[in-house]
Amino acid sequence: MKKVENKVWVLVDCIQQHRIRYVVEAPSDQPELALDVVTMNQAKEFSQKDLGQTIVSHRVVSGAEALDICDEDNDYLKDWPDHKKIDVLFTREGESWD
């Protein structure tokens, strides 16, 4: 007797974090003004380091629900056929993204 394996799709929500550094010139008596420059997005990026992902949540979703979420999150791909969305954006068991 052959064992039938059931598979599910699991939606995993993550936060990707980066440490970004800026070097900003400021008056010596008010160095905190550099913080305003960064907050206003007026500073040049000095460097960044990927701090990795933190998993926030996960849940089992149906294929149809996953495709609905796919269309919502990637509205520019709505016209793709479902099989292409699954092949390109979904990760099947045993696959890896390198």
PDB file of N, CA and C in Angstrom:
ATOM      1  N   MET A   1       0.834  -1.177   0.000  1.00  0.00           N
ATOM      2  CA  MET A   1       0.000   0.000   0.000  1.00  0.00           C
ATOM      3  C   MET A   1       0.880   1.242   0.000  1.00  0.00           C
ATOM      4  N   LYS A   2       0.611   2.158  -0.905  1.00  0.00           N
ATOM      5  CA  LYS A   2       1.388   3.380  -1.035  1.00  0.00           C
ATOM      6  C   LYS A   2       0.831   4.451  -0.101  1.00  0.00           C
ATOM      7  N   LYS A   3       1.723   5.103   0.653  1.00  0.00           N
ATOM      8  CA  LYS A   3       1.318   6.155   1.573  1.00  0.00           C
ATOM      9  C   LYS A   3       1.048   7.436   0.787  1.00  0.00           C
ATOM     10  N   VAL A   4      -0.097   8.047   1.042  1.00  0.00           N
ATOM     11  CA  VAL A   4      -0.455   9.313   0.407  1.00  0.00           C
ATOM     12  C   VAL A   4      -0.015  10.439   1.330  1.00  0.00           C
ATOM     13  N   GLU A   5       0.819  11.336   0.790  1.00  0.00           N
ATOM     14  CA  GLU A   5       1.298  12.465   1.586  1.00  0.00           C
ATOM     15  C   GLU A   5       0.439  13.684   1.298  1.00  0.00           C
ATOM     16  N   ASN A   6      -0.067  14.288   2.349  1.00  0.00           N
ATOM     17  CA  ASN A   6      -0.825  15.530   2.216  1.00  0.00           C
ATOM     18  C   ASN A   6       0.121  16.706   2.359  1.00  0.00           C
ATOM     19  N   LYS A   7      -0.074  17.700   1.549  1.00  0.00           N
ATOM     20  CA  LYS A   7       0.760  18.908   1.576  1.00  0.00           C
ATOM     21  C   LYS A   7      -0.136  20.116   1.825  1.00  0.00           C
ATOM     22  N   VAL A   8       0.407  21.114   2.439  1.00  0.00           N
ATOM     23  CA  VAL A   8      -0.302  22.381   2.653  1.00  0.00           C
ATOM     24  C   VAL A   8       0.622  23.522   2.267  1.00  0.00           C
ATOM     25  N   TRP A   9       0.032  24.656   1.964  1.00  0.00           N
ATOM     26  CA  TRP A   9       0.786  25.886   1.773  1.00  0.00           C
ATOM     27  C   TRP A   9       0.785  26.627   3.096  1.00  0.00           C
ATOM     28  N   VAL A  10       1.946  27.150   3.496  1.00  0.00           N
ATOM     29  CA  VAL A  10       2.071  27.899   4.744  1.00  0.00           C
ATOM     30  C   VAL A  10       2.547  29.305   4.399  1.00  0.00           C
ATOM     31  N   LEU A  11       1.754  30.291   4.788  1.00  0.00           N
ATOM     32  CA  LEU A  11       2.114  31.695   4.592  1.00  0.00           C
ATOM     33  C   LEU A  11       2.946  32.124   5.800  1.00  0.00           C
ATOM     34  N   VAL A  12       4.177  32.554   5.559  1.00  0.00           N
ATOM     35  CA  VAL A  12       5.089  32.958   6.632  1.00  0.00           C
ATOM     36  C   VAL A  12       5.361  34.453   6.480  1.00  0.00           C
ATOM     37  N   ASP A  13       4.994  35.227   7.501  1.00  0.00           N
ATOM     38  CA  ASP A  13       5.241  36.671   7.513  1.00  0.00           C
ATOM     39  C   ASP A  13       6.543  36.943   8.251  1.00  0.00           C
ATOM     40  N   CYS A  14       7.411  37.750   7.640  1.00  0.00           N
ATOM     41  CA  CYS A  14       8.717  38.074   8.217  1.00  0.00           C
ATOM     42  C   CYS A  14       8.968  39.575   8.142  1.00  0.00           C
ATOM     43  N   ILE A  15       9.901  40.004   8.949  1.00  0.00           N
ATOM     44  CA  ILE A  15      10.428  41.359   8.864  1.00  0.00           C
ATOM     45  C   ILE A  15      11.901  41.229   8.497  1.00  0.00           C
ATOM     46  N   GLN A  16      12.300  41.899   7.423  1.00  0.00           N
ATOM     47  CA  GLN A  16      13.699  41.930   7.008  1.00  0.00           C
ATOM     48  C   GLN A  16      14.312  43.191   7.587  1.00  0.00           C
ATOM     49  N   GLN A  17      15.431  43.058   8.278  1.00  0.00           N
ATOM     50  CA  GLN A  17      16.025  44.222   8.927  1.00  0.00           C
ATOM     51  C   GLN A  17      17.425  44.503   8.382  1.00  0.00           C
ATOM     52  N   HIS A  18      17.729  45.796   8.307  1.00  0.00           N
ATOM     53  CA  HIS A  18      19.053  46.262   7.920  1.00  0.00           C
ATOM     54  C   HIS A  18      19.508  47.319   8.924  1.00  0.00           C
ATOM     55  N   ARG A  19      20.773  47.275   9.243  1.00  0.00           N
ATOM     56  CA  ARG A  19      21.361  48.371  10.013  1.00  0.00           C
ATOM     57  C   ARG A  19      21.961  49.312   8.980  1.00  0.00           C
ATOM     58  N   ILE A  20      21.502  50.548   8.975  1.00  0.00           N
ATOM     59  CA  ILE A  20      21.992  51.530   8.009  1.00  0.00           C
ATOM     60  C   ILE A  20      22.707  52.629   8.777  1.00  0.00           C
ATOM     61  N   ARG A  21      23.871  53.007   8.260  1.00  0.00           N
ATOM     62  CA  ARG A  21      24.654  54.067   8.896  1.00  0.00           C
ATOM     63  C   ARG A  21      24.763  55.271   7.975  1.00  0.00           C
ATOM     64  N   TYR A  22      24.824  56.446   8.614  1.00  0.00           N
ATOM     65  CA  TYR A  22      25.014  57.720   7.919  1.00  0.00           C
ATOM     66  C   TYR A  22      26.118  58.468   8.659  1.00  0.00           C
ATOM     67  N   VAL A  23      26.905  59.231   7.945  1.00  0.00           N
ATOM     68  CA  VAL A  23      27.870  60.143   8.561  1.00  0.00           C
ATOM     69  C   VAL A  23      27.448  61.539   8.125  1.00  0.00           C
ATOM     70  N   VAL A  24      27.013  62.338   9.111  1.00  0.00           N
ATOM     71  CA  VAL A  24      26.407  63.632   8.821  1.00  0.00           C
ATOM     72  C   VAL A  24      27.179  64.721   9.561  1.00  0.00           C
ATOM     73  N   GLU A  25      27.550  65.734   8.831  1.00  0.00           N
ATOM     74  CA  GLU A  25      28.202  66.889   9.445  1.00  0.00           C
ATOM     75  C   GLU A  25      27.159  67.731  10.172  1.00  0.00           C
ATOM     76  N   ALA A  26      27.498  68.179  11.393  1.00  0.00           N
ATOM     77  CA  ALA A  26      26.591  68.999  12.203  1.00  0.00           C
ATOM     78  C   ALA A  26      27.412  69.954  13.061  1.00  0.00           C
ATOM     79  N   PRO A  27      26.774  71.008  13.549  1.00  0.00           N
ATOM     80  CA  PRO A  27      27.486  71.935  14.434  1.00  0.00           C
ATOM     81  C   PRO A  27      27.975  71.207  15.684  1.00  0.00           C
ATOM     82  N   SER A  28      29.174  71.564  16.145  1.00  0.00           N
ATOM     83  CA  SER A  28      29.755  70.872  17.294  1.00  0.00           C
ATOM     84  C   SER A  28      28.930  71.075  18.563  1.00  0.00           C
ATOM     85  N   ASP A  29      28.191  72.184  18.640  1.00  0.00           N
ATOM     86  CA  ASP A  29      27.384  72.417  19.833  1.00  0.00           C
ATOM     87  C   ASP A  29      25.968  71.831  19.722  1.00  0.00           C
ATOM     88  N   GLN A  30      25.625  71.266  18.538  1.00  0.00           N
ATOM     89  CA  GLN A  30      24.314  70.653  18.340  1.00  0.00           C
ATOM     90  C   GLN A  30      24.430  69.407  17.447  1.00  0.00           C
ATOM     91  N   PRO A  31      25.196  68.411  17.867  1.00  0.00           N
ATOM     92  CA  PRO A  31      25.367  67.225  17.028  1.00  0.00           C
ATOM     93  C   PRO A  31      24.057  66.482  16.754  1.00  0.00           C
ATOM     94  N   GLU A  32      23.057  66.674  17.612  1.00  0.00           N
ATOM     95  CA  GLU A  32      21.772  65.988  17.428  1.00  0.00           C
ATOM     96  C   GLU A  32      21.025  66.466  16.175  1.00  0.00           C
ATOM     97  N   LEU A  33      21.450  67.593  15.587  1.00  0.00           N
ATOM     98  CA  LEU A  33      20.835  68.050  14.336  1.00  0.00           C
ATOM     99  C   LEU A  33      21.065  67.042  13.205  1.00  0.00           C
ATOM    100  N   ALA A  34      22.085  66.236  13.337  1.00  0.00           N
ATOM    101  CA  ALA A  34      22.324  65.183  12.346  1.00  0.00           C
ATOM    102  C   ALA A  34      21.150  64.204  12.298  1.00  0.00           C
ATOM    103  N   LEU A  35      20.491  64.013  13.431  1.00  0.00           N
ATOM    104  CA  LEU A  35      19.340  63.111  13.487  1.00  0.00           C
ATOM    105  C   LEU A  35      18.194  63.636  12.626  1.00  0.00           C
ATOM    106  N   ASP A  36      18.022  64.961  12.611  1.00  0.00           N
ATOM    107  CA  ASP A  36      16.980  65.561  11.776  1.00  0.00           C
ATOM    108  C   ASP A  36      17.266  65.333  10.293  1.00  0.00           C
ATOM    109  N   VAL A  37      18.520  65.460   9.915  1.00  0.00           N
ATOM    110  CA  VAL A  37      18.904  65.246   8.514  1.00  0.00           C
ATOM    111  C   VAL A  37      18.552  63.826   8.085  1.00  0.00           C
ATOM    112  N   VAL A  38      18.840  62.866   8.951  1.00  0.00           N
ATOM    113  CA  VAL A  38      18.524  61.464   8.633  1.00  0.00           C
ATOM    114  C   VAL A  38      17.012  61.253   8.605  1.00  0.00           C
ATOM    115  N   THR A  39      16.307  61.779   9.591  1.00  0.00           N
ATOM    116  CA  THR A  39      14.858  61.627   9.660  1.00  0.00           C
ATOM    117  C   THR A  39      14.167  62.210   8.433  1.00  0.00           C
ATOM    118  N   MET A  40      14.695  63.283   7.914  1.00  0.00           N
ATOM    119  CA  MET A  40      14.117  63.942   6.739  1.00  0.00           C
ATOM    120  C   MET A  40      14.572  63.293   5.423  1.00  0.00           C
ATOM    121  N   ASN A  41      15.283  62.171   5.528  1.00  0.00           N
ATOM    122  CA  ASN A  41      15.780  61.449   4.343  1.00  0.00           C
ATOM    123  C   ASN A  41      16.661  62.333   3.472  1.00  0.00           C
ATOM    124  N   GLN A  42      17.494  63.149   4.115  1.00  0.00           N
ATOM    125  CA  GLN A  42      18.368  64.056   3.387  1.00  0.00           C
ATOM    126  C   GLN A  42      19.834  63.655   3.510  1.00  0.00           C
ATOM    127  N   ALA A  43      20.105  62.511   4.122  1.00  0.00           N
ATOM    128  CA  ALA A  43      21.493  62.071   4.312  1.00  0.00           C
ATOM    129  C   ALA A  43      21.858  61.005   3.289  1.00  0.00           C
ATOM    130  N   LYS A  44      23.097  61.007   2.895  1.00  0.00           N
ATOM    131  CA  LYS A  44      23.624  59.950   2.023  1.00  0.00           C
ATOM    132  C   LYS A  44      23.864  58.704   2.868  1.00  0.00           C
ATOM    133  N   GLU A  45      23.522  57.566   2.303  1.00  0.00           N
ATOM    134  CA  GLU A  45      23.780  56.312   3.017  1.00  0.00           C
ATOM    135  C   GLU A  45      25.280  56.054   3.062  1.00  0.00           C
ATOM    136  N   PHE A  46      25.788  55.743   4.230  1.00  0.00           N
ATOM    137  CA  PHE A  46      27.205  55.472   4.431  1.00  0.00           C
ATOM    138  C   PHE A  46      27.488  53.983   4.260  1.00  0.00           C
ATOM    139  N   SER A  47      26.675  53.148   4.903  1.00  0.00           N
ATOM    140  CA  SER A  47      26.834  51.695   4.767  1.00  0.00           C
ATOM    141  C   SER A  47      25.571  51.017   5.277  1.00  0.00           C
ATOM    142  N   GLN A  48      25.461  49.739   4.961  1.00  0.00           N
ATOM    143  CA  GLN A  48      24.365  48.961   5.516  1.00  0.00           C
ATOM    144  C   GLN A  48      24.787  47.523   5.715  1.00  0.00           C
ATOM    145  N   LYS A  49      24.131  46.886   6.667  1.00  0.00           N
ATOM    146  CA  LYS A  49      24.397  45.479   6.973  1.00  0.00           C
ATOM    147  C   LYS A  49      23.058  44.777   7.147  1.00  0.00           C
ATOM    148  N   ASP A  50      22.887  43.665   6.451  1.00  0.00           N
ATOM    149  CA  ASP A  50      21.678  42.867   6.586  1.00  0.00           C
ATOM    150  C   ASP A  50      21.689  42.164   7.935  1.00  0.00           C
ATOM    151  N   LEU A  51      20.661  42.370   8.723  1.00  0.00           N
ATOM    152  CA  LEU A  51      20.563  41.742  10.038  1.00  0.00           C
ATOM    153  C   LEU A  51      19.690  40.490  10.001  1.00  0.00           C
ATOM    154  N   GLY A  52      19.220  40.127   8.824  1.00  0.00           N
ATOM    155  CA  GLY A  52      18.445  38.898   8.683  1.00  0.00           C
ATOM    156  C   GLY A  52      16.961  39.118   8.877  1.00  0.00           C
ATOM    157  N   GLN A  53      16.264  38.001   8.863  1.00  0.00           N
ATOM    158  CA  GLN A  53      14.817  38.034   8.972  1.00  0.00           C
ATOM    159  C   GLN A  53      14.360  37.576  10.347  1.00  0.00           C
ATOM    160  N   THR A  54      13.256  38.132  10.767  1.00  0.00           N
ATOM    161  CA  THR A  54      12.578  37.694  11.978  1.00  0.00           C
ATOM    162  C   THR A  54      11.189  37.228  11.560  1.00  0.00           C
ATOM    163  N   ILE A  55      10.854  35.989  11.880  1.00  0.00           N
ATOM    164  CA  ILE A  55       9.530  35.469  11.558  1.00  0.00           C
ATOM    165  C   ILE A  55       8.537  36.055  12.546  1.00  0.00           C
ATOM    166  N   VAL A  56       7.477  36.663  12.010  1.00  0.00           N
ATOM    167  CA  VAL A  56       6.463  37.301  12.823  1.00  0.00           C
ATOM    168  C   VAL A  56       5.279  36.369  13.066  1.00  0.00           C
ATOM    169  N   SER A  57       4.859  35.656  12.015  1.00  0.00           N
ATOM    170  CA  SER A  57       3.722  34.748  12.140  1.00  0.00           C
ATOM    171  C   SER A  57       3.727  33.761  10.986  1.00  0.00           C
ATOM    172  N   HIS A  58       2.884  32.747  11.124  1.00  0.00           N
ATOM    173  CA  HIS A  58       2.675  31.803  10.029  1.00  0.00           C
ATOM    174  C   HIS A  58       1.282  31.203  10.169  1.00  0.00           C
ATOM    175  N   ARG A  59       0.740  30.780   9.029  1.00  0.00           N
ATOM    176  CA  ARG A  59      -0.559  30.105   9.049  1.00  0.00           C
ATOM    177  C   ARG A  59      -0.731  29.300   7.774  1.00  0.00           C
ATOM    178  N   VAL A  60      -1.505  28.258   7.878  1.00  0.00           N
ATOM    179  CA  VAL A  60      -1.822  27.424   6.721  1.00  0.00           C
ATOM    180  C   VAL A  60      -2.885  28.144   5.897  1.00  0.00           C
ATOM    181  N   VAL A  61      -2.665  28.187   4.582  1.00  0.00           N
ATOM    182  CA  VAL A  61      -3.623  28.809   3.666  1.00  0.00           C
ATOM    183  C   VAL A  61      -3.926  27.833   2.539  1.00  0.00           C
ATOM    184  N   SER A  62      -5.091  27.958   1.982  1.00  0.00           N
ATOM    185  CA  SER A  62      -5.435  27.150   0.810  1.00  0.00           C
ATOM    186  C   SER A  62      -4.698  27.707  -0.401  1.00  0.00           C
ATOM    187  N   GLY A  63      -4.619  26.927  -1.447  1.00  0.00           N
ATOM    188  CA  GLY A  63      -4.006  27.414  -2.680  1.00  0.00           C
ATOM    189  C   GLY A  63      -4.728  28.623  -3.232  1.00  0.00           C
ATOM    190  N   ALA A  64      -6.062  28.589  -3.170  1.00  0.00           N
ATOM    191  CA  ALA A  64      -6.854  29.719  -3.669  1.00  0.00           C
ATOM    192  C   ALA A  64      -6.595  30.979  -2.840  1.00  0.00           C
ATOM    193  N   GLU A  65      -6.521  30.820  -1.508  1.00  0.00           N
ATOM    194  CA  GLU A  65      -6.248  31.971  -0.652  1.00  0.00           C
ATOM    195  C   GLU A  65      -4.851  32.528  -0.926  1.00  0.00           C
ATOM    196  N   ALA A  66      -3.878  31.642  -1.109  1.00  0.00           N
ATOM    197  CA  ALA A  66      -2.513  32.088  -1.410  1.00  0.00           C
ATOM    198  C   ALA A  66      -2.473  32.857  -2.726  1.00  0.00           C
ATOM    199  N   LEU A  67      -3.215  32.387  -3.723  1.00  0.00           N
ATOM    200  CA  LEU A  67      -3.251  33.097  -5.010  1.00  0.00           C
ATOM    201  C   LEU A  67      -3.945  34.453  -4.872  1.00  0.00           C
ATOM    202  N   ASP A  68      -4.988  34.542  -4.036  1.00  0.00           N
ATOM    203  CA  ASP A  68      -5.636  35.839  -3.787  1.00  0.00           C
ATOM    204  C   ASP A  68      -4.665  36.811  -3.125  1.00  0.00           C
ATOM    205  N   ILE A  69      -3.907  36.322  -2.130  1.00  0.00           N
ATOM    206  CA  ILE A  69      -2.918  37.165  -1.451  1.00  0.00           C
ATOM    207  C   ILE A  69      -1.826  37.568  -2.432  1.00  0.00           C
ATOM    208  N   CYS A  70      -1.444  36.642  -3.296  1.00  0.00           N
ATOM    209  CA  CYS A  70      -0.432  36.928  -4.324  1.00  0.00           C
ATOM    210  C   CYS A  70      -0.893  38.091  -5.201  1.00  0.00           C
ATOM    211  N   ASP A  71      -2.141  38.047  -5.639  1.00  0.00           N
ATOM    212  CA  ASP A  71      -2.666  39.122  -6.489  1.00  0.00           C
ATOM    213  C   ASP A  71      -2.743  40.446  -5.738  1.00  0.00           C
ATOM    214  N   GLU A  72      -3.059  40.388  -4.459  1.00  0.00           N
ATOM    215  CA  GLU A  72      -3.137  41.609  -3.653  1.00  0.00           C
ATOM    216  C   GLU A  72      -1.751  42.215  -3.440  1.00  0.00           C
ATOM    217  N   ASP A  73      -0.769  41.356  -3.112  1.00  0.00           N
ATOM    218  CA  ASP A  73       0.590  41.836  -2.828  1.00  0.00           C
ATOM    219  C   ASP A  73       1.371  42.185  -4.088  1.00  0.00           C
ATOM    220  N   ASN A  74       1.061  41.529  -5.186  1.00  0.00           N
ATOM    221  CA  ASN A  74       1.800  41.699  -6.448  1.00  0.00           C
ATOM    222  C   ASN A  74       0.822  42.038  -7.565  1.00  0.00           C
ATOM    223  N   ASP A  75       0.095  43.121  -7.417  1.00  0.00           N
ATOM    224  CA  ASP A  75      -0.976  43.442  -8.365  1.00  0.00           C
ATOM    225  C   ASP A  75      -0.489  43.570  -9.806  1.00  0.00           C
ATOM    226  N   TYR A  76       0.771  43.862  -9.993  1.00  0.00           N
ATOM    227  CA  TYR A  76       1.325  43.975 -11.347  1.00  0.00           C
ATOM    228  C   TYR A  76       1.448  42.615 -12.042  1.00  0.00           C
ATOM    229  N   LEU A  77       1.241  41.517 -11.297  1.00  0.00           N
ATOM    230  CA  LEU A  77       1.310  40.164 -11.874  1.00  0.00           C
ATOM    231  C   LEU A  77      -0.068  39.515 -11.987  1.00  0.00           C
ATOM    232  N   LYS A  78      -1.131  40.262 -11.761  1.00  0.00           N
ATOM    233  CA  LYS A  78      -2.490  39.698 -11.769  1.00  0.00           C
ATOM    234  C   LYS A  78      -2.819  38.966 -13.061  1.00  0.00           C
ATOM    235  N   ASP A  79      -2.261  39.414 -14.166  1.00  0.00           N
ATOM    236  CA  ASP A  79      -2.579  38.811 -15.457  1.00  0.00           C
ATOM    237  C   ASP A  79      -1.826  37.513 -15.719  1.00  0.00           C
ATOM    238  N   TRP A  80      -0.866  37.184 -14.873  1.00  0.00           N
ATOM    239  CA  TRP A  80      -0.161  35.910 -15.037  1.00  0.00           C
ATOM    240  C   TRP A  80      -1.121  34.756 -14.763  1.00  0.00           C
ATOM    241  N   PRO A  81      -0.965  33.646 -15.468  1.00  0.00           N
ATOM    242  CA  PRO A  81      -1.772  32.465 -15.120  1.00  0.00           C
ATOM    243  C   PRO A  81      -1.341  31.922 -13.748  1.00  0.00           C
ATOM    244  N   ASP A  82      -2.287  31.276 -13.056  1.00  0.00           N
ATOM    245  CA  ASP A  82      -2.005  30.778 -11.704  1.00  0.00           C
ATOM    246  C   ASP A  82      -0.793  29.857 -11.655  1.00  0.00           C
ATOM    247  N   HIS A  83      -0.647  28.985 -12.648  1.00  0.00           N
ATOM    248  CA  HIS A  83       0.484  28.043 -12.628  1.00  0.00           C
ATOM    249  C   HIS A  83       1.819  28.768 -12.695  1.00  0.00           C
ATOM    250  N   LYS A  84       1.879  29.900 -13.404  1.00  0.00           N
ATOM    251  CA  LYS A  84       3.127  30.667 -13.471  1.00  0.00           C
ATOM    252  C   LYS A  84       3.420  31.338 -12.130  1.00  0.00           C
ATOM    253  N   LYS A  85       2.387  31.882 -11.480  1.00  0.00           N
ATOM    254  CA  LYS A  85       2.574  32.484 -10.158  1.00  0.00           C
ATOM    255  C   LYS A  85       3.122  31.445  -9.185  1.00  0.00           C
ATOM    256  N   ILE A  86       2.540  30.246  -9.233  1.00  0.00           N
ATOM    257  CA  ILE A  86       2.989  29.175  -8.335  1.00  0.00           C
ATOM    258  C   ILE A  86       4.430  28.783  -8.650  1.00  0.00           C
ATOM    259  N   ASP A  87       4.758  28.632  -9.930  1.00  0.00           N
ATOM    260  CA  ASP A  87       6.124  28.235 -10.316  1.00  0.00           C
ATOM    261  C   ASP A  87       7.168  29.280  -9.935  1.00  0.00           C
ATOM    262  N   VAL A  88       6.821  30.561 -10.062  1.00  0.00           N
ATOM    263  CA  VAL A  88       7.796  31.636  -9.864  1.00  0.00           C
ATOM    264  C   VAL A  88       7.847  32.127  -8.413  1.00  0.00           C
ATOM    265  N   LEU A  89       6.699  32.190  -7.741  1.00  0.00           N
ATOM    266  CA  LEU A  89       6.639  32.861  -6.444  1.00  0.00           C
ATOM    267  C   LEU A  89       6.427  31.942  -5.253  1.00  0.00           C
ATOM    268  N   PHE A  90       5.936  30.738  -5.451  1.00  0.00           N
ATOM    269  CA  PHE A  90       5.687  29.804  -4.354  1.00  0.00           C
ATOM    270  C   PHE A  90       6.880  28.856  -4.239  1.00  0.00           C
ATOM    271  N   THR A  91       7.197  28.431  -3.040  1.00  0.00           N
ATOM    272  CA  THR A  91       8.309  27.503  -2.832  1.00  0.00           C
ATOM    273  C   THR A  91       7.752  26.124  -2.519  1.00  0.00           C
ATOM    274  N   ARG A  92       8.034  25.187  -3.398  1.00  0.00           N
ATOM    275  CA  ARG A  92       7.586  23.811  -3.186  1.00  0.00           C
ATOM    276  C   ARG A  92       8.537  23.096  -2.242  1.00  0.00           C
ATOM    277  N   GLU A  93       8.014  22.099  -1.565  1.00  0.00           N
ATOM    278  CA  GLU A  93       8.841  21.312  -0.663  1.00  0.00           C
ATOM    279  C   GLU A  93      10.052  20.763  -1.412  1.00  0.00           C
ATOM    280  N   GLY A  94      11.230  20.915  -0.849  1.00  0.00           N
ATOM    281  CA  GLY A  94      12.466  20.443  -1.465  1.00  0.00           C
ATOM    282  C   GLY A  94      13.155  21.475  -2.345  1.00  0.00           C
ATOM    283  N   GLU A  95      12.447  22.529  -2.731  1.00  0.00           N
ATOM    284  CA  GLU A  95      13.044  23.620  -3.507  1.00  0.00           C
ATOM    285  C   GLU A  95      13.803  24.538  -2.563  1.00  0.00           C
ATOM    286  N   SER A  96      14.773  25.236  -3.096  1.00  0.00           N
ATOM    287  CA  SER A  96      15.423  26.282  -2.305  1.00  0.00           C
ATOM    288  C   SER A  96      15.727  27.448  -3.211  1.00  0.00           C
ATOM    289  N   TRP A  97      15.763  28.608  -2.614  1.00  0.00           N
ATOM    290  CA  TRP A  97      16.093  29.837  -3.324  1.00  0.00           C
ATOM    291  C   TRP A  97      17.517  30.191  -2.966  1.00  0.00           C
ATOM    292  N   ASP A  98      18.371  30.144  -3.924  1.00  0.00           N
ATOM    293  CA  ASP A  98      19.806  30.416  -3.660  1.00  0.00           C
ATOM    294  C   ASP A  98      20.230  31.740  -4.178  1.00  0.00           C
TER     295      ASP A  98
END
